[in-house]
C-alpha atoms as a PDB file:
ATOM      1  CA  MET A   1    -130.218 162.900  54.909  1.00  0.00           C
ATOM      2  CA  MET A   2    -127.345 160.055  54.577  1.00  0.00           C
ATOM      3  CA  ARG A   3    -126.578 157.741  51.027  1.00  0.00           C
ATOM      4  CA  SER A   4    -128.520 154.226  50.801  1.00  0.00           C
ATOM      5  CA  GLN A   5    -125.161 153.308  49.582  1.00  0.00           C
ATOM      6  CA  PRO A   6    -122.134 154.720  51.212  1.00  0.00           C
ATOM      7  CA  ARG A   7    -118.947 155.022  49.445  1.00  0.00           C
ATOM      8  CA  PRO A   8    -115.805 153.698  51.938  1.00  0.00           C
ATOM      9  CA  SER A   9    -113.599 155.489  49.978  1.00  0.00           C
ATOM     10  CA  GLY A  10    -115.067 158.738  50.448  1.00  0.00           C
ATOM     11  CA  THR A  11    -112.598 161.424  51.799  1.00  0.00           C
ATOM     12  CA  GLY A  12    -115.196 164.526  52.992  1.00  0.00           C
ATOM     13  CA  THR A  13    -113.467 167.174  50.979  1.00  0.00           C
ATOM     14  CA  SER A  14    -115.305 170.511  52.870  1.00  0.00           C
ATOM     15  CA  SER A  15    -112.869 172.460  54.731  1.00  0.00           C
ATOM     16  CA  GLU A  16    -115.566 173.218  57.229  1.00  0.00           C
ATOM     17  CA  THR A  17    -114.782 172.524  61.103  1.00  0.00           C
ATOM     18  CA  ASP A  18    -117.093 169.980  62.805  1.00  0.00           C
ATOM     19  CA  GLU A  19    -118.380 172.459  64.839  1.00  0.00           C
ATOM     20  CA  ALA A  20    -119.674 174.510  61.955  1.00  0.00           C
ATOM     21  CA  LEU A  21    -120.997 171.661  60.192  1.00  0.00           C
ATOM     22  CA  ILE A  22    -122.810 170.336  63.329  1.00  0.00           C
ATOM     23  CA  GLU A  23    -124.980 173.556  63.085  1.00  0.00           C
ATOM     24  CA  ARG A  24    -126.069 173.377  60.064  1.00  0.00           C
ATOM     25  CA  CYS A  25    -127.098 170.196  60.921  1.00  0.00           C
ATOM     26  CA  LEU A  26    -129.124 170.727  63.646  1.00  0.00           C
ATOM     27  CA  ALA A  27    -130.461 173.770  61.539  1.00  0.00           C
ATOM     28  CA  ASN A  28    -131.491 170.716  58.894  1.00  0.00           C
ATOM     29  CA  ASP A  29    -128.913 171.454  56.225  1.00  0.00           C
ATOM     30  CA  ASP A  30    -128.906 167.598  54.131  1.00  0.00           C
ATOM     31  CA  ASP A  31    -125.875 168.984  52.384  1.00  0.00           C
ATOM     32  CA  ALA A  32    -124.358 169.800  56.124  1.00  0.00           C
ATOM     33  CA  TRP A  33    -125.126 166.368  56.775  1.00  0.00           C
ATOM     34  CA  ARG A  34    -123.818 164.711  53.610  1.00  0.00           C
ATOM     35  CA  GLN A  35    -120.648 166.122  53.954  1.00  0.00           C
ATOM     36  CA  LEU A  36    -120.165 165.096  57.676  1.00  0.00           C
ATOM     37  CA  VAL A  37    -120.920 161.545  56.510  1.00  0.00           C
ATOM     38  CA  ASP A  38    -118.551 162.048  53.458  1.00  0.00           C
ATOM     39  CA  ARG A  39    -116.207 163.296  56.162  1.00  0.00           C
ATOM     40  CA  TYR A  40    -116.687 160.179  58.597  1.00  0.00           C
ATOM     41  CA  THR A  41    -117.322 157.170  56.240  1.00  0.00           C
ATOM     42  CA  PRO A  42    -113.877 155.734  55.893  1.00  0.00           C
ATOM     43  CA  LEU A  43    -113.077 156.460  60.063  1.00  0.00           C
ATOM     44  CA  VAL A  44    -116.436 154.169  60.487  1.00  0.00           C
ATOM     45  CA  TYR A  45    -115.457 151.667  57.828  1.00  0.00           C
ATOM     46  CA  SER A  46    -112.323 151.261  59.086  1.00  0.00           C
ATOM     47  CA  ILE A  47    -113.237 149.679  62.206  1.00  0.00           C
ATOM     48  CA  PRO A  48    -114.915 146.926  61.121  1.00  0.00           C
ATOM     49  CA  SER A  49    -112.488 146.320  58.399  1.00  0.00           C
ATOM     50  CA  ARG A  50    -109.933 145.994  60.632  1.00  0.00           C
ATOM     51  CA  MET A  51    -112.345 143.430  62.882  1.00  0.00           C
ATOM     52  CA  ARG A  52    -112.717 141.701  59.374  1.00  0.00           C
ATOM     53  CA  PHE A  53    -116.153 141.856  59.003  1.00  0.00           C
ATOM     54  CA  ASP A  54    -117.748 140.955  55.367  1.00  0.00           C
ATOM     55  CA  ARG A  55    -119.055 144.197  53.411  1.00  0.00           C
ATOM     56  CA  GLU A  56    -123.051 143.319  54.597  1.00  0.00           C
ATOM     57  CA  ILE A  57    -122.205 143.502  57.874  1.00  0.00           C
ATOM     58  CA  ALA A  58    -119.706 146.704  57.983  1.00  0.00           C
ATOM     59  CA  ASP A  59    -122.860 148.291  55.976  1.00  0.00           C
ATOM     60  CA  GLU A  60    -125.123 147.748  59.250  1.00  0.00           C
ATOM     61  CA  VAL A  61    -122.637 149.107  61.468  1.00  0.00           C
ATOM     62  CA  PHE A  62    -122.305 151.918  58.897  1.00  0.00           C
ATOM     63  CA  GLN A  63    -125.813 152.494  59.211  1.00  0.00           C
ATOM     64  CA  GLU A  64    -126.335 151.992  62.814  1.00  0.00           C
ATOM     65  CA  VAL A  65    -123.784 154.410  63.749  1.00  0.00           C
ATOM     66  CA  PHE A  66    -124.482 157.806  61.471  1.00  0.00           C
ATOM     67  CA  ALA A  67    -128.257 157.011  63.168  1.00  0.00           C
ATOM     68  CA  ILE A  68    -126.797 156.963  66.306  1.00  0.00           C
ATOM     69  CA  LEU A  69    -124.919 160.258  65.745  1.00  0.00           C
ATOM     70  CA  VAL A  70    -128.563 161.478  64.315  1.00  0.00           C
ATOM     71  CA  ARG A  71    -130.039 161.114  67.341  1.00  0.00           C
ATOM     72  CA  LYS A  72    -127.278 162.023  69.541  1.00  0.00           C
ATOM     73  CA  LEU A  73    -126.022 165.412  67.924  1.00  0.00           C
ATOM     74  CA  PRO A  74    -128.012 167.745  69.840  1.00  0.00           C
ATOM     75  CA  GLY A  75    -127.176 166.527  72.646  1.00  0.00           C
ATOM     76  CA  LEU A  76    -123.123 166.351  72.060  1.00  0.00           C
ATOM     77  CA  ASP A  77    -121.675 168.535  74.094  1.00  0.00           C
ATOM     78  CA  ASN A  78    -117.822 168.413  72.775  1.00  0.00           C
ATOM     79  CA  ARG A  79    -118.401 168.963  69.795  1.00  0.00           C
ATOM     80  CA  ARG A  80    -114.496 169.217  68.563  1.00  0.00           C
ATOM     81  CA  GLY A  81    -114.201 165.789  70.175  1.00  0.00           C
ATOM     82  CA  LEU A  82    -116.997 164.221  67.109  1.00  0.00           C
ATOM     83  CA  PRO A  83    -113.885 161.807  66.012  1.00  0.00           C
ATOM     84  CA  LYS A  84    -114.189 160.308  69.022  1.00  0.00           C
ATOM     85  CA  TRP A  85    -117.151 159.713  69.315  1.00  0.00           C
ATOM     86  CA  VAL A  86    -117.799 158.098  66.166  1.00  0.00           C
ATOM     87  CA  MET A  87    -114.655 156.038  66.846  1.00  0.00           C
ATOM     88  CA  THR A  88    -115.844 154.927  69.930  1.00  0.00           C
ATOM     89  CA  THR A  89    -119.627 154.602  69.047  1.00  0.00           C
ATOM     90  CA  THR A  90    -118.566 152.175  66.481  1.00  0.00           C
ATOM     91  CA  GLU A  91    -116.421 150.136  68.268  1.00  0.00           C
ATOM     92  CA  ARG A  92    -119.107 149.766  70.588  1.00  0.00           C
ATOM     93  CA  VAL A  93    -121.573 149.392  67.649  1.00  0.00           C
ATOM     94  CA  CYS A  94    -118.873 146.098  66.264  1.00  0.00           C
ATOM     95  CA  ARG A  95    -119.411 144.545  69.730  1.00  0.00           C
ATOM     96  CA  ARG A  96    -122.832 144.358  70.017  1.00  0.00           C
ATOM     97  CA  MET A  97    -123.194 142.902  65.999  1.00  0.00           C
ATOM     98  CA  ILE A  98    -121.021 140.415  67.546  1.00  0.00           C
ATOM     99  CA  ARG A  99    -123.730 139.606  70.229  1.00  0.00           C
ATOM    100  CA  ARG A 100    -126.579 140.095  68.057  1.00  0.00           C
ATOM    101  CA  ARG A 101    -125.430 137.742  65.181  1.00  0.00           C
ATOM    102  CA  ARG A 102    -123.437 135.498  67.533  1.00  0.00           C
ATOM    103  CA  LEU A 103    -120.561 135.643  65.201  1.00  0.00           C
ATOM    104  CA  ASP A 104    -118.008 133.409  65.433  1.00  0.00           C
ATOM    105  CA  PRO A 105    -115.392 135.246  67.903  1.00  0.00           C
ATOM    106  CA  LEU A 106    -112.413 133.734  65.946  1.00  0.00           C
ATOM    107  CA  ILE A 107    -113.289 135.645  62.594  1.00  0.00           C
ATOM    108  CA  THR A 108    -114.331 139.142  64.716  1.00  0.00           C
ATOM    109  CA  LEU A 109    -111.656 139.479  67.458  1.00  0.00           C
ATOM    110  CA  PRO A 110    -108.456 140.597  65.921  1.00  0.00           C
ATOM    111  CA  ALA A 111    -108.844 143.215  68.159  1.00  0.00           C
ATOM    112  CA  LEU A 112    -106.430 141.011  69.722  1.00  0.00           C
ATOM    113  CA  PRO A 113    -103.503 142.645  67.391  1.00  0.00           C
ATOM    114  CA  LEU A 114    -103.404 144.748  70.640  1.00  0.00           C
ATOM    115  CA  LEU A 115    -101.222 142.410  71.970  1.00  0.00           C
ATOM    116  CA  ALA A 116     -99.346 142.921  68.549  1.00  0.00           C
ATOM    117  CA  ASP A 117     -98.054 146.313  69.616  1.00  0.00           C
ATOM    118  CA  ASP A 118    -100.040 147.536  66.575  1.00  0.00           C
ATOM    119  CA  ASP A 119     -99.042 151.632  66.328  1.00  0.00           C
ATOM    120  CA  ASP A 120    -102.130 151.614  63.485  1.00  0.00           C
ATOM    121  CA  ALA A 121    -105.062 149.299  65.318  1.00  0.00           C
ATOM    122  CA  PRO A 122    -107.851 151.812  65.895  1.00  0.00           C
ATOM    123  CA  PHE A 123    -108.495 150.956  69.984  1.00  0.00           C
ATOM    124  CA  ASP A 124    -107.581 152.870  72.392  1.00  0.00           C
ATOM    125  CA  GLY A 125    -106.029 152.726  75.756  1.00  0.00           C
ATOM    126  CA  GLU A 126    -108.849 152.091  77.552  1.00  0.00           C
ATOM    127  CA  LEU A 127    -109.668 149.053  75.473  1.00  0.00           C
ATOM    128  CA  LEU A 128    -106.480 147.815  75.746  1.00  0.00           C
ATOM    129  CA  GLY A 129    -106.280 147.838  79.292  1.00  0.00           C
ATOM    130  CA  ALA A 130    -109.884 145.970  79.173  1.00  0.00           C
ATOM    131  CA  VAL A 131    -108.485 143.331  77.312  1.00  0.00           C
ATOM    132  CA  ALA A 132    -105.174 142.839  79.074  1.00  0.00           C
ATOM    133  CA  ALA A 133    -107.079 142.620  82.431  1.00  0.00           C
ATOM    134  CA  ALA A 134    -109.644 140.059  80.900  1.00  0.00           C
ATOM    135  CA  LEU A 135    -107.140 138.217  79.921  1.00  0.00           C
ATOM    136  CA  GLY A 136    -105.028 138.414  83.053  1.00  0.00           C
ATOM    137  CA  GLU A 137    -108.403 137.007  84.439  1.00  0.00           C
ATOM    138  CA  LEU A 138    -108.763 134.091  82.154  1.00  0.00           C
ATOM    139  CA  GLY A 139    -105.148 133.136  83.024  1.00  0.00           C
ATOM    140  CA  GLY A 140    -103.567 130.000  82.170  1.00  0.00           C
ATOM    141  CA  PRO A 141    -103.844 128.107  78.457  1.00  0.00           C
ATOM    142  CA  CYS A 142    -106.231 130.506  77.512  1.00  0.00           C
ATOM    143  CA  GLU A 143    -104.191 133.103  78.510  1.00  0.00           C
ATOM    144  CA  ARG A 144    -101.486 131.903  76.555  1.00  0.00           C
ATOM    145  CA  LEU A 145    -102.865 130.568  73.690  1.00  0.00           C
ATOM    146  CA  LEU A 146    -104.487 133.914  72.762  1.00  0.00           C
ATOM    147  CA  THR A 147    -101.708 136.032  73.375  1.00  0.00           C
ATOM    148  CA  ALA A 148     -99.459 133.483  71.081  1.00  0.00           C
ATOM    149  CA  MET A 149    -102.297 133.503  68.438  1.00  0.00           C
ATOM    150  CA  TYR A 150    -102.115 137.060  68.199  1.00  0.00           C
ATOM    151  CA  ARG A 151     -98.561 137.874  69.065  1.00  0.00           C
ATOM    152  CA  GLN A 152     -98.186 138.734  65.147  1.00  0.00           C
ATOM    153  CA  GLY A 153    -101.538 140.102  64.185  1.00  0.00           C
ATOM    154  CA  GLY A 154    -103.422 136.955  63.964  1.00  0.00           C
ATOM    155  CA  GLU A 155    -101.036 135.620  60.877  1.00  0.00           C
ATOM    156  CA  ARG A 156     -99.462 132.639  62.618  1.00  0.00           C
ATOM    157  CA  ARG A 157     -99.049 128.772  61.236  1.00  0.00           C
ATOM    158  CA  TYR A 158    -100.869 126.608  63.427  1.00  0.00           C
ATOM    159  CA  GLU A 159     -98.217 124.112  63.253  1.00  0.00           C
ATOM    160  CA  ASP A 160     -95.491 126.427  64.326  1.00  0.00           C
ATOM    161  CA  LEU A 161     -98.687 127.576  67.599  1.00  0.00           C
ATOM    162  CA  ALA A 162     -99.113 123.765  68.243  1.00  0.00           C
ATOM    163  CA  SER A 163     -95.408 123.201  68.546  1.00  0.00           C
ATOM    164  CA  GLU A 164     -94.630 126.438  70.601  1.00  0.00           C
ATOM    165  CA  LEU A 165     -97.817 125.571  73.328  1.00  0.00           C
ATOM    166  CA  ASP A 166     -97.445 121.789  72.812  1.00  0.00           C
ATOM    167  CA  MET A 167    -100.494 121.124  71.755  1.00  0.00           C
ATOM    168  CA  PRO A 168    -102.652 119.224  69.186  1.00  0.00           C
ATOM    169  CA  VAL A 169    -102.767 120.925  65.780  1.00  0.00           C
ATOM    170  CA  GLY A 170    -106.675 120.230  65.575  1.00  0.00           C
ATOM    171  CA  SER A 171    -107.441 121.011  69.153  1.00  0.00           C
ATOM    172  CA  LEU A 172    -106.222 124.641  68.329  1.00  0.00           C
ATOM    173  CA  GLY A 173    -109.264 126.052  66.497  1.00  0.00           C
ATOM    174  CA  PRO A 174    -111.885 124.539  68.919  1.00  0.00           C
ATOM    175  CA  THR A 175    -109.898 125.852  72.111  1.00  0.00           C
ATOM    176  CA  ARG A 176    -109.582 129.251  70.412  1.00  0.00           C
ATOM    177  CA  SER A 177    -113.263 129.746  70.166  1.00  0.00           C
ATOM    178  CA  ARG A 178    -114.053 128.442  73.867  1.00  0.00           C
ATOM    179  CA  CYS A 179    -111.204 131.156  74.790  1.00  0.00           C
ATOM    180  CA  LEU A 180    -112.262 133.973  72.893  1.00  0.00           C
ATOM    181  CA  ARG A 181    -115.950 133.092  74.095  1.00  0.00           C
ATOM    182  CA  LYS A 182    -114.721 133.373  77.388  1.00  0.00           C
ATOM    183  CA  LEU A 183    -112.500 136.640  77.068  1.00  0.00           C
ATOM    184  CA  LEU A 184    -115.543 138.022  75.339  1.00  0.00           C
ATOM    185  CA  SER A 185    -118.012 136.664  78.422  1.00  0.00           C
ATOM    186  CA  ILE A 186    -115.179 138.577  81.060  1.00  0.00           C
ATOM    187  CA  LEU A 187    -115.225 141.758  79.345  1.00  0.00           C
ATOM    188  CA  GLU A 188    -118.861 142.272  79.131  1.00  0.00           C
ATOM    189  CA  ARG A 189    -118.844 141.208  83.163  1.00  0.00           C
ATOM    190  CA  ARG A 190    -116.553 143.783  83.271  1.00  0.00           C
ATOM    191  CA  GLY A 191    -118.502 146.212  81.469  1.00  0.00           C
ATOM    192  CA  TRP A 192    -116.867 146.536  78.027  1.00  0.00           C
ATOM    193  CA  PRO A 193    -118.290 147.948  76.079  1.00  0.00           C
ATOM    194  CA  PRO A 194    -119.888 150.654  78.141  1.00  0.00           C
ATOM    195  CA  GLU A 195    -123.334 151.972  77.181  1.00  0.00           C
ATOM    196  CA  THR A 196    -123.680 154.518  74.420  1.00  0.00           C
END
């Protein structure tokens, strides 16, 4: 039903609507499943890619998202909303992967280019609001540090940041890790991500 080695570059050339493909999927049409997977493979891979997951973890995210889709598809009421469902589910799977694998949020939370007014960020306004509220609750030096670090997509030089924040260069990495963990804890306590 799904490829064992998915290709992130798949373009999904079928001109059928999602609704038509879903009907065929529910009738156990393997070709329809292949087309649906091909159609949404680039979207699914784009999210762990922007969060800088390595390929192995991105593949795990891909498999988990489509395993959830197989289970949830019969009860999916808004079939036209499948793109948003896939994106939201992928984001949630990525967050669970962070917790499950205890990934270093220092690597996996360039979700915070949200702070950089990045028009290409794959996250919706709901997540942006959740991050902004969590940063506000975090406050103080952590809020200033994370905002400064991710203002330009996480590509700030440590020397420049240290000077801007009046901090020793050597303390930025450990402080960032502590602050990101606190931010994740606040987001989780506030119910983000919502249960799938």
